[in-house]
Amino acid sequence: MSLGVLGKAVGAAFAAFAAAFGIGKIGQASLEAGARQPEQAGHYRMTAIIVSALIEGACLFAIVVCLIAK
């Protein structure tokens, strides 16, 4: 296995880990905000879903870049 292949794998794994960590933090903050203001819980949930989708898109882009890079 060459060093380039190892770098691609590590880069893709790091991108996936960072996205998972970010989405976890968003979920945590959304639940805490909903617990503090229950009447706004639906708004916080929708915002969290939208931001999570944007993070997933960036993660997929990063993984594709890592796997295509030479």
N, C-alpha and C. Protein backbone atom coordinates (compact mmCIF):
# COMPACT_ATOMS: atom_id res chain seq x y z
N MET A 1 0.86 -1.18 0.00
CA MET A 1 0.00 0.00 0.00
C MET A 1 0.90 1.24 0.00
N SER A 2 0.64 2.14 -0.92
CA SER A 2 1.47 3.33 -1.02
C SER A 2 1.02 4.40 -0.02
N LEU A 3 1.89 5.36 0.16
CA LEU A 3 1.59 6.44 1.10
C LEU A 3 0.43 7.31 0.62
N GLY A 4 0.26 7.43 -0.70
CA GLY A 4 -0.85 8.21 -1.25
C GLY A 4 -2.20 7.59 -0.94
N VAL A 5 -2.28 6.28 -1.06
CA VAL A 5 -3.53 5.58 -0.75
C VAL A 5 -3.86 5.70 0.73
N LEU A 6 -2.83 5.60 1.56
CA LEU A 6 -3.04 5.75 3.00
C LEU A 6 -3.51 7.17 3.33
N GLY A 7 -2.94 8.17 2.66
CA GLY A 7 -3.35 9.56 2.88
C GLY A 7 -4.80 9.79 2.47
N LYS A 8 -5.21 9.18 1.36
CA LYS A 8 -6.61 9.29 0.92
C LYS A 8 -7.55 8.71 1.97
N ALA A 9 -7.20 7.54 2.47
CA ALA A 9 -8.06 6.88 3.45
C ALA A 9 -8.13 7.68 4.75
N VAL A 10 -7.00 8.20 5.20
CA VAL A 10 -7.00 8.98 6.43
C VAL A 10 -7.79 10.28 6.24
N GLY A 11 -7.64 10.93 5.09
CA GLY A 11 -8.38 12.15 4.82
C GLY A 11 -9.88 11.92 4.79
N ALA A 12 -10.30 10.84 4.14
CA ALA A 12 -11.74 10.53 4.08
C ALA A 12 -12.28 10.18 5.47
N ALA A 13 -11.49 9.43 6.24
CA ALA A 13 -11.92 9.07 7.59
C ALA A 13 -12.02 10.31 8.48
N PHE A 14 -11.07 11.23 8.34
CA PHE A 14 -11.11 12.45 9.14
C PHE A 14 -12.31 13.31 8.78
N ALA A 15 -12.63 13.39 7.50
CA ALA A 15 -13.80 14.17 7.07
C ALA A 15 -15.08 13.57 7.63
N ALA A 16 -15.20 12.26 7.60
CA ALA A 16 -16.39 11.60 8.14
C ALA A 16 -16.49 11.79 9.65
N PHE A 17 -15.36 11.67 10.34
CA PHE A 17 -15.36 11.85 11.79
C PHE A 17 -15.74 13.28 12.17
N ALA A 18 -15.18 14.25 11.45
CA ALA A 18 -15.48 15.65 11.76
C ALA A 18 -16.96 15.96 11.52
N ALA A 19 -17.54 15.41 10.45
CA ALA A 19 -18.95 15.63 10.19
C ALA A 19 -19.82 14.99 11.27
N ALA A 20 -19.47 13.78 11.67
CA ALA A 20 -20.24 13.12 12.72
C ALA A 20 -20.16 13.89 14.04
N PHE A 21 -19.00 14.39 14.36
CA PHE A 21 -18.83 15.17 15.59
C PHE A 21 -19.65 16.46 15.52
N GLY A 22 -19.60 17.14 14.37
CA GLY A 22 -20.36 18.38 14.21
C GLY A 22 -21.85 18.17 14.30
N ILE A 23 -22.34 17.12 13.67
CA ILE A 23 -23.78 16.84 13.71
C ILE A 23 -24.21 16.46 15.13
N GLY A 24 -23.35 15.76 15.84
CA GLY A 24 -23.65 15.43 17.24
C GLY A 24 -23.76 16.67 18.10
N LYS A 25 -22.86 17.62 17.89
CA LYS A 25 -22.91 18.87 18.65
C LYS A 25 -24.16 19.69 18.30
N ILE A 26 -24.56 19.66 17.04
CA ILE A 26 -25.77 20.36 16.63
C ILE A 26 -27.00 19.74 17.30
N GLY A 27 -27.06 18.42 17.31
CA GLY A 27 -28.17 17.73 17.98
C GLY A 27 -28.22 18.05 19.45
N GLN A 28 -27.07 18.05 20.10
CA GLN A 28 -27.01 18.37 21.52
C GLN A 28 -27.51 19.78 21.80
N ALA A 29 -27.04 20.73 21.01
CA ALA A 29 -27.46 22.12 21.21
C ALA A 29 -28.95 22.30 20.92
N SER A 30 -29.46 21.60 19.91
CA SER A 30 -30.88 21.70 19.57
C SER A 30 -31.75 21.16 20.71
N LEU A 31 -31.35 20.03 21.26
CA LEU A 31 -32.13 19.45 22.37
C LEU A 31 -32.08 20.33 23.61
N GLU A 32 -30.92 20.89 23.91
CA GLU A 32 -30.81 21.77 25.06
C GLU A 32 -31.65 23.04 24.88
N ALA A 33 -31.62 23.59 23.68
CA ALA A 33 -32.42 24.79 23.42
C ALA A 33 -33.91 24.48 23.49
N GLY A 34 -34.31 23.33 22.98
CA GLY A 34 -35.71 22.93 23.05
C GLY A 34 -36.17 22.68 24.47
N ALA A 35 -35.26 22.20 25.31
CA ALA A 35 -35.62 21.97 26.72
C ALA A 35 -35.78 23.30 27.46
N ARG A 36 -34.99 24.29 27.06
CA ARG A 36 -35.10 25.60 27.71
C ARG A 36 -36.33 26.37 27.26
N GLN A 37 -36.67 26.26 25.98
CA GLN A 37 -37.84 26.97 25.43
C GLN A 37 -38.67 25.98 24.61
N PRO A 38 -39.54 25.22 25.26
CA PRO A 38 -40.31 24.19 24.55
C PRO A 38 -41.20 24.73 23.43
N GLU A 39 -41.64 25.96 23.52
CA GLU A 39 -42.51 26.50 22.47
C GLU A 39 -41.75 26.74 21.17
N GLN A 40 -40.43 26.80 21.22
CA GLN A 40 -39.60 27.00 20.02
C GLN A 40 -38.90 25.72 19.56
N ALA A 41 -39.24 24.58 20.15
CA ALA A 41 -38.54 23.32 19.85
C ALA A 41 -38.64 22.94 18.38
N GLY A 42 -39.77 23.16 17.76
CA GLY A 42 -39.93 22.83 16.34
C GLY A 42 -39.01 23.65 15.46
N HIS A 43 -38.86 24.92 15.80
CA HIS A 43 -37.96 25.80 15.04
C HIS A 43 -36.51 25.34 15.18
N TYR A 44 -36.10 24.99 16.40
CA TYR A 44 -34.73 24.52 16.63
C TYR A 44 -34.48 23.22 15.89
N ARG A 45 -35.45 22.34 15.88
CA ARG A 45 -35.30 21.05 15.20
C ARG A 45 -35.13 21.25 13.70
N MET A 46 -35.94 22.11 13.11
CA MET A 46 -35.84 22.35 11.67
C MET A 46 -34.50 22.99 11.31
N THR A 47 -34.06 23.93 12.12
CA THR A 47 -32.75 24.55 11.89
C THR A 47 -31.64 23.52 11.99
N ALA A 48 -31.72 22.62 12.97
CA ALA A 48 -30.71 21.59 13.14
C ALA A 48 -30.69 20.64 11.94
N ILE A 49 -31.85 20.31 11.41
CA ILE A 49 -31.91 19.41 10.24
C ILE A 49 -31.27 20.07 9.03
N ILE A 50 -31.55 21.35 8.82
CA ILE A 50 -30.98 22.06 7.67
C ILE A 50 -29.47 22.17 7.79
N VAL A 51 -28.98 22.54 8.95
CA VAL A 51 -27.53 22.67 9.14
C VAL A 51 -26.86 21.31 9.04
N SER A 52 -27.48 20.26 9.56
CA SER A 52 -26.92 18.92 9.44
C SER A 52 -26.82 18.48 7.99
N ALA A 53 -27.82 18.82 7.19
CA ALA A 53 -27.77 18.48 5.77
C ALA A 53 -26.64 19.21 5.06
N LEU A 54 -26.40 20.47 5.43
CA LEU A 54 -25.29 21.21 4.84
C LEU A 54 -23.94 20.60 5.24
N ILE A 55 -23.82 20.17 6.47
CA ILE A 55 -22.58 19.53 6.92
C ILE A 55 -22.38 18.21 6.19
N GLU A 56 -23.43 17.44 6.02
CA GLU A 56 -23.31 16.18 5.28
C GLU A 56 -22.86 16.42 3.85
N GLY A 57 -23.38 17.47 3.21
CA GLY A 57 -22.95 17.79 1.85
C GLY A 57 -21.48 18.14 1.79
N ALA A 58 -21.02 18.93 2.75
CA ALA A 58 -19.60 19.28 2.79
C ALA A 58 -18.74 18.05 3.06
N CYS A 59 -19.24 17.15 3.90
CA CYS A 59 -18.50 15.92 4.19
C CYS A 59 -18.39 15.04 2.96
N LEU A 60 -19.48 14.88 2.24
CA LEU A 60 -19.43 14.07 1.02
C LEU A 60 -18.49 14.67 -0.01
N PHE A 61 -18.50 16.00 -0.13
CA PHE A 61 -17.59 16.67 -1.05
C PHE A 61 -16.14 16.41 -0.63
N ALA A 62 -15.85 16.51 0.66
CA ALA A 62 -14.48 16.27 1.15
C ALA A 62 -14.04 14.83 0.90
N ILE A 63 -14.95 13.88 1.11
CA ILE A 63 -14.60 12.48 0.87
C ILE A 63 -14.33 12.23 -0.61
N VAL A 64 -15.14 12.81 -1.47
CA VAL A 64 -14.91 12.63 -2.92
C VAL A 64 -13.57 13.25 -3.33
N VAL A 65 -13.27 14.43 -2.81
CA VAL A 65 -11.98 15.07 -3.12
C VAL A 65 -10.83 14.20 -2.63
N CYS A 66 -10.95 13.64 -1.43
CA CYS A 66 -9.89 12.79 -0.90
C CYS A 66 -9.69 11.55 -1.76
N LEU A 67 -10.76 10.96 -2.23
CA LEU A 67 -10.64 9.72 -3.00
C LEU A 67 -10.23 9.95 -4.44
N ILE A 68 -10.50 11.14 -4.98
CA ILE A 68 -10.12 11.44 -6.36
C ILE A 68 -8.68 11.95 -6.44
N ALA A 69 -8.18 12.57 -5.37
CA ALA A 69 -6.85 13.18 -5.39
C ALA A 69 -5.78 12.14 -5.72
N LYS A 70 -4.77 12.60 -6.42
CA LYS A 70 -3.69 11.69 -6.80
C LYS A 70 -2.55 11.75 -5.82
